[in-house]
């Protein structure tokens, strides 16, 4: 009988850094800290290795292909454009409504 594999869990950067802080600053063994946090001991060591090798960018939450240079600005402008179009539609409907009332 085959065992189903657990889905991957993703942890926030804050959780990861706090777990590493607990492991480094407490007198308790890593296995005890890991059990308390509900993770495996080897995960703590992997995170420690990643932090030492990559520094601050080790646990960035962004996955996948990096955004192009202006992509975030383009996305913001598209959202603003959509919002303004909705406002225009509402104002057009209001103008028609009030024009009928004046007659």
N, C-alpha and C. Protein backbone atom coordinates (compact mmCIF):
# COMPACT_ATOMS: atom_id res chain seq x y z
N UNK A 1 0.85 -1.18 0.00
CA UNK A 1 0.00 0.00 0.00
C UNK A 1 0.89 1.24 0.00
N UNK A 2 0.58 2.17 -0.88
CA UNK A 2 1.40 3.37 -0.97
C UNK A 2 0.81 4.47 -0.09
N UNK A 3 1.70 5.24 0.48
CA UNK A 3 1.27 6.36 1.32
C UNK A 3 1.12 7.60 0.47
N UNK A 4 0.08 8.35 0.74
CA UNK A 4 -0.09 9.62 0.04
C UNK A 4 0.86 10.62 0.67
N UNK A 5 1.48 11.41 -0.18
CA UNK A 5 2.42 12.40 0.30
C UNK A 5 1.68 13.63 0.78
N UNK A 6 2.13 14.16 1.89
CA UNK A 6 1.54 15.38 2.44
C UNK A 6 1.80 16.53 1.48
N UNK A 7 0.85 17.43 1.32
CA UNK A 7 1.12 18.60 0.46
C UNK A 7 2.18 19.48 1.12
N UNK A 8 2.92 20.19 0.28
CA UNK A 8 3.95 21.08 0.79
C UNK A 8 3.31 22.22 1.57
N UNK A 9 3.94 22.56 2.68
CA UNK A 9 3.48 23.71 3.46
C UNK A 9 4.41 24.87 3.17
N UNK A 10 3.84 26.04 3.13
CA UNK A 10 4.67 27.23 2.98
C UNK A 10 4.58 28.02 4.28
N UNK A 11 5.70 28.49 4.73
CA UNK A 11 5.78 29.24 5.98
C UNK A 11 6.16 30.68 5.67
N UNK A 12 5.66 31.58 6.46
CA UNK A 12 5.98 32.98 6.25
C UNK A 12 7.43 33.25 6.65
N UNK A 13 7.94 34.33 6.15
CA UNK A 13 9.31 34.72 6.48
C UNK A 13 9.42 34.97 7.98
N UNK A 14 8.41 35.58 8.57
CA UNK A 14 8.43 35.88 10.00
C UNK A 14 8.48 34.60 10.82
N UNK A 15 7.66 33.60 10.45
CA UNK A 15 7.65 32.32 11.16
C UNK A 15 9.02 31.66 11.07
N UNK A 16 9.59 31.66 9.89
CA UNK A 16 10.88 31.02 9.67
C UNK A 16 11.97 31.68 10.51
N UNK A 17 12.02 33.00 10.48
CA UNK A 17 13.04 33.71 11.25
C UNK A 17 12.84 33.53 12.75
N UNK A 18 11.59 33.50 13.19
CA UNK A 18 11.31 33.28 14.61
C UNK A 18 11.73 31.87 15.03
N UNK A 19 11.48 30.89 14.18
CA UNK A 19 11.89 29.52 14.48
C UNK A 19 13.41 29.43 14.60
N UNK A 20 14.12 30.09 13.71
CA UNK A 20 15.58 30.08 13.77
C UNK A 20 16.08 30.82 15.01
N UNK A 21 15.41 31.90 15.37
CA UNK A 21 15.79 32.62 16.58
C UNK A 21 15.61 31.75 17.81
N UNK A 22 14.49 31.04 17.88
CA UNK A 22 14.25 30.13 19.00
C UNK A 22 15.32 29.05 19.07
N UNK A 23 15.68 28.50 17.93
CA UNK A 23 16.67 27.44 17.90
C UNK A 23 18.03 27.96 18.37
N UNK A 24 18.40 29.15 17.94
CA UNK A 24 19.72 29.69 18.26
C UNK A 24 19.83 30.23 19.68
N UNK A 25 18.77 30.85 20.19
CA UNK A 25 18.86 31.54 21.46
C UNK A 25 18.41 30.72 22.66
N UNK A 26 17.69 29.64 22.44
CA UNK A 26 17.22 28.87 23.59
C UNK A 26 18.22 27.78 23.93
N UNK A 27 18.09 27.27 25.14
CA UNK A 27 18.97 26.19 25.60
C UNK A 27 18.45 24.82 25.16
N UNK A 28 17.29 24.81 24.56
CA UNK A 28 16.66 23.55 24.18
C UNK A 28 17.25 23.01 22.88
N UNK A 29 17.19 21.70 22.70
CA UNK A 29 17.68 21.12 21.44
C UNK A 29 16.75 21.46 20.28
N UNK A 30 17.29 21.39 19.07
CA UNK A 30 16.52 21.74 17.87
C UNK A 30 15.30 20.84 17.71
N UNK A 31 15.42 19.58 18.10
CA UNK A 31 14.28 18.67 17.96
C UNK A 31 13.11 19.11 18.83
N UNK A 32 13.40 19.63 20.02
CA UNK A 32 12.34 20.10 20.91
C UNK A 32 11.67 21.35 20.35
N UNK A 33 12.47 22.27 19.82
CA UNK A 33 11.92 23.49 19.21
C UNK A 33 11.05 23.11 18.01
N UNK A 34 11.53 22.18 17.20
CA UNK A 34 10.79 21.76 16.01
C UNK A 34 9.46 21.12 16.39
N UNK A 35 9.47 20.28 17.40
CA UNK A 35 8.24 19.63 17.85
C UNK A 35 7.24 20.67 18.35
N UNK A 36 7.73 21.65 19.09
CA UNK A 36 6.87 22.71 19.60
C UNK A 36 6.22 23.50 18.47
N UNK A 37 6.96 23.71 17.38
CA UNK A 37 6.45 24.49 16.25
C UNK A 37 5.68 23.65 15.24
N UNK A 38 5.73 22.34 15.38
CA UNK A 38 5.02 21.46 14.46
C UNK A 38 5.72 21.27 13.13
N UNK A 39 7.04 21.33 13.15
CA UNK A 39 7.83 21.12 11.94
C UNK A 39 8.89 20.06 12.23
N UNK A 40 9.58 19.62 11.20
CA UNK A 40 10.64 18.63 11.38
C UNK A 40 11.95 19.32 11.74
N UNK A 41 12.76 18.60 12.48
CA UNK A 41 14.05 19.14 12.92
C UNK A 41 14.94 19.50 11.74
N UNK A 42 14.95 18.64 10.73
CA UNK A 42 15.83 18.91 9.58
C UNK A 42 15.40 20.17 8.82
N UNK A 43 14.12 20.55 8.94
CA UNK A 43 13.67 21.79 8.30
C UNK A 43 14.35 23.00 8.93
N UNK A 44 14.52 22.96 10.24
CA UNK A 44 15.23 24.05 10.92
C UNK A 44 16.65 24.18 10.39
N UNK A 45 17.31 23.06 10.22
CA UNK A 45 18.69 23.09 9.73
C UNK A 45 18.76 23.56 8.28
N UNK A 46 17.76 23.18 7.47
CA UNK A 46 17.73 23.67 6.09
C UNK A 46 17.55 25.18 6.05
N UNK A 47 16.65 25.69 6.89
CA UNK A 47 16.42 27.13 6.95
C UNK A 47 17.68 27.86 7.41
N UNK A 48 18.36 27.27 8.40
CA UNK A 48 19.59 27.89 8.90
C UNK A 48 20.64 27.96 7.79
N UNK A 49 20.75 26.89 7.02
CA UNK A 49 21.70 26.86 5.91
C UNK A 49 21.34 27.90 4.84
N UNK A 50 20.04 28.01 4.53
CA UNK A 50 19.59 28.99 3.54
C UNK A 50 19.88 30.41 4.00
N UNK A 51 19.65 30.67 5.28
CA UNK A 51 19.89 32.01 5.81
C UNK A 51 21.37 32.35 5.75
N UNK A 52 22.21 31.38 6.06
CA UNK A 52 23.66 31.63 6.03
C UNK A 52 24.16 31.83 4.60
N UNK A 53 23.59 31.11 3.65
CA UNK A 53 24.09 31.21 2.28
C UNK A 53 23.50 32.40 1.51
N UNK A 54 22.20 32.69 1.72
CA UNK A 54 21.54 33.73 0.92
C UNK A 54 21.29 35.03 1.67
N UNK A 55 21.37 35.01 2.97
CA UNK A 55 21.15 36.22 3.75
C UNK A 55 19.68 36.61 3.81
N UNK A 56 19.39 37.90 3.69
CA UNK A 56 18.03 38.42 3.86
C UNK A 56 17.05 37.94 2.80
N UNK A 57 17.53 37.63 1.62
CA UNK A 57 16.62 37.22 0.54
C UNK A 57 16.30 35.72 0.59
N UNK A 58 16.76 35.04 1.61
CA UNK A 58 16.59 33.59 1.69
C UNK A 58 15.13 33.17 1.74
N UNK A 59 14.30 33.92 2.40
CA UNK A 59 12.91 33.50 2.60
C UNK A 59 11.92 34.46 1.96
N UNK A 60 12.27 35.02 0.83
CA UNK A 60 11.33 35.93 0.16
C UNK A 60 10.12 35.13 -0.26
N UNK A 61 8.96 35.75 -0.12
CA UNK A 61 7.71 35.04 -0.41
C UNK A 61 7.37 35.01 -1.89
N UNK A 62 8.11 35.73 -2.69
CA UNK A 62 7.84 35.76 -4.13
C UNK A 62 8.38 34.48 -4.77
N UNK A 63 7.52 33.79 -5.46
CA UNK A 63 7.91 32.57 -6.17
C UNK A 63 7.68 32.80 -7.65
N UNK A 64 8.31 31.99 -8.46
CA UNK A 64 8.09 32.06 -9.89
C UNK A 64 8.99 33.07 -10.56
N UNK A 65 8.63 33.41 -11.77
CA UNK A 65 9.43 34.33 -12.58
C UNK A 65 9.39 35.73 -11.99
N UNK A 66 10.55 36.38 -11.89
CA UNK A 66 10.54 37.75 -11.37
C UNK A 66 9.81 38.70 -12.30
N UNK A 67 9.19 39.71 -11.72
CA UNK A 67 8.46 40.68 -12.51
C UNK A 67 9.42 41.54 -13.31
N UNK A 68 8.93 41.97 -14.46
CA UNK A 68 9.74 42.90 -15.25
C UNK A 68 9.86 44.20 -14.47
N UNK A 69 10.76 45.03 -14.91
CA UNK A 69 11.09 46.25 -14.18
C UNK A 69 9.87 47.11 -13.88
N UNK A 70 9.01 47.32 -14.86
CA UNK A 70 7.86 48.21 -14.69
C UNK A 70 6.56 47.46 -14.48
N UNK A 71 6.61 46.15 -14.28
CA UNK A 71 5.40 45.36 -14.21
C UNK A 71 4.51 45.76 -13.03
N UNK A 72 5.09 46.04 -11.89
CA UNK A 72 4.26 46.42 -10.75
C UNK A 72 3.57 47.76 -11.00
N UNK A 73 4.25 48.68 -11.65
CA UNK A 73 3.63 49.97 -11.98
C UNK A 73 2.52 49.78 -13.00
N UNK A 74 2.74 48.91 -13.98
CA UNK A 74 1.72 48.64 -15.00
C UNK A 74 0.48 48.04 -14.35
N UNK A 75 0.68 47.11 -13.44
CA UNK A 75 -0.44 46.48 -12.75
C UNK A 75 -1.23 47.51 -11.95
N UNK A 76 -0.54 48.38 -11.25
CA UNK A 76 -1.20 49.43 -10.48
C UNK A 76 -2.00 50.35 -11.38
N UNK A 77 -1.43 50.74 -12.49
CA UNK A 77 -2.12 51.63 -13.42
C UNK A 77 -3.33 50.95 -14.06
N UNK A 78 -3.24 49.66 -14.35
CA UNK A 78 -4.38 48.94 -14.90
C UNK A 78 -5.52 48.89 -13.89
N UNK A 79 -5.20 48.67 -12.63
CA UNK A 79 -6.23 48.64 -11.60
C UNK A 79 -6.90 50.01 -11.46
N UNK A 80 -6.10 51.06 -11.50
CA UNK A 80 -6.65 52.41 -11.42
C UNK A 80 -7.52 52.71 -12.64
N UNK A 81 -7.09 52.26 -13.81
CA UNK A 81 -7.85 52.45 -15.04
C UNK A 81 -9.22 51.77 -14.93
N UNK A 82 -9.24 50.54 -14.44
CA UNK A 82 -10.51 49.82 -14.27
C UNK A 82 -11.43 50.55 -13.31
N UNK A 83 -10.87 51.05 -12.21
CA UNK A 83 -11.67 51.78 -11.22
C UNK A 83 -12.26 53.04 -11.83
N UNK A 84 -11.46 53.76 -12.60
CA UNK A 84 -11.94 55.00 -13.22
C UNK A 84 -13.02 54.72 -14.26
N UNK A 85 -12.89 53.63 -15.00
CA UNK A 85 -13.93 53.26 -15.97
C UNK A 85 -15.26 52.99 -15.27
N UNK A 86 -15.20 52.31 -14.13
CA UNK A 86 -16.41 52.05 -13.36
C UNK A 86 -17.04 53.37 -12.89
N UNK A 87 -16.21 54.29 -12.43
CA UNK A 87 -16.72 55.59 -11.99
C UNK A 87 -17.40 56.33 -13.14
N UNK A 88 -16.82 56.28 -14.32
CA UNK A 88 -17.40 56.94 -15.50
C UNK A 88 -18.76 56.33 -15.81
N UNK A 89 -18.86 55.00 -15.77
CA UNK A 89 -20.14 54.34 -16.03
C UNK A 89 -21.20 54.79 -15.03
N UNK A 90 -20.82 54.86 -13.76
CA UNK A 90 -21.76 55.28 -12.73
C UNK A 90 -22.21 56.72 -12.96
N UNK A 91 -21.28 57.59 -13.30
CA UNK A 91 -21.62 59.00 -13.54
C UNK A 91 -22.51 59.15 -14.77
N UNK A 92 -22.29 58.36 -15.81
CA UNK A 92 -23.15 58.41 -17.00
C UNK A 92 -24.57 58.00 -16.64
N UNK A 93 -24.70 56.94 -15.85
CA UNK A 93 -26.03 56.49 -15.45
C UNK A 93 -26.72 57.53 -14.58
N UNK A 94 -25.95 58.16 -13.70
CA UNK A 94 -26.52 59.21 -12.84
C UNK A 94 -26.97 60.40 -13.68
N UNK A 95 -26.20 60.77 -14.69
CA UNK A 95 -26.57 61.90 -15.56
C UNK A 95 -27.87 61.60 -16.29
N UNK A 96 -28.02 60.38 -16.79
CA UNK A 96 -29.26 60.00 -17.48
C UNK A 96 -30.43 60.05 -16.51
N UNK A 97 -30.24 59.56 -15.32
CA UNK A 97 -31.31 59.53 -14.31
C UNK A 97 -31.76 60.95 -13.96
N UNK A 98 -30.81 61.83 -13.69
CA UNK A 98 -31.17 63.20 -13.30
C UNK A 98 -31.71 64.00 -14.48
N UNK A 99 -31.30 63.68 -15.69
CA UNK A 99 -31.84 64.36 -16.87
C UNK A 99 -33.32 64.02 -17.03
N UNK A 100 -33.68 62.78 -16.74
CA UNK A 100 -35.09 62.37 -16.83
C UNK A 100 -35.91 63.08 -15.75
N UNK A 101 -35.33 63.26 -14.58
CA UNK A 101 -36.04 63.91 -13.48
C UNK A 101 -36.33 65.37 -13.77
N UNK A 102 -35.44 66.03 -14.49
CA UNK A 102 -35.61 67.45 -14.78
C UNK A 102 -36.70 67.70 -15.81
N UNK A 103 -37.03 66.74 -16.63
CA UNK A 103 -38.04 66.93 -17.68
C UNK A 103 -39.43 66.92 -17.13
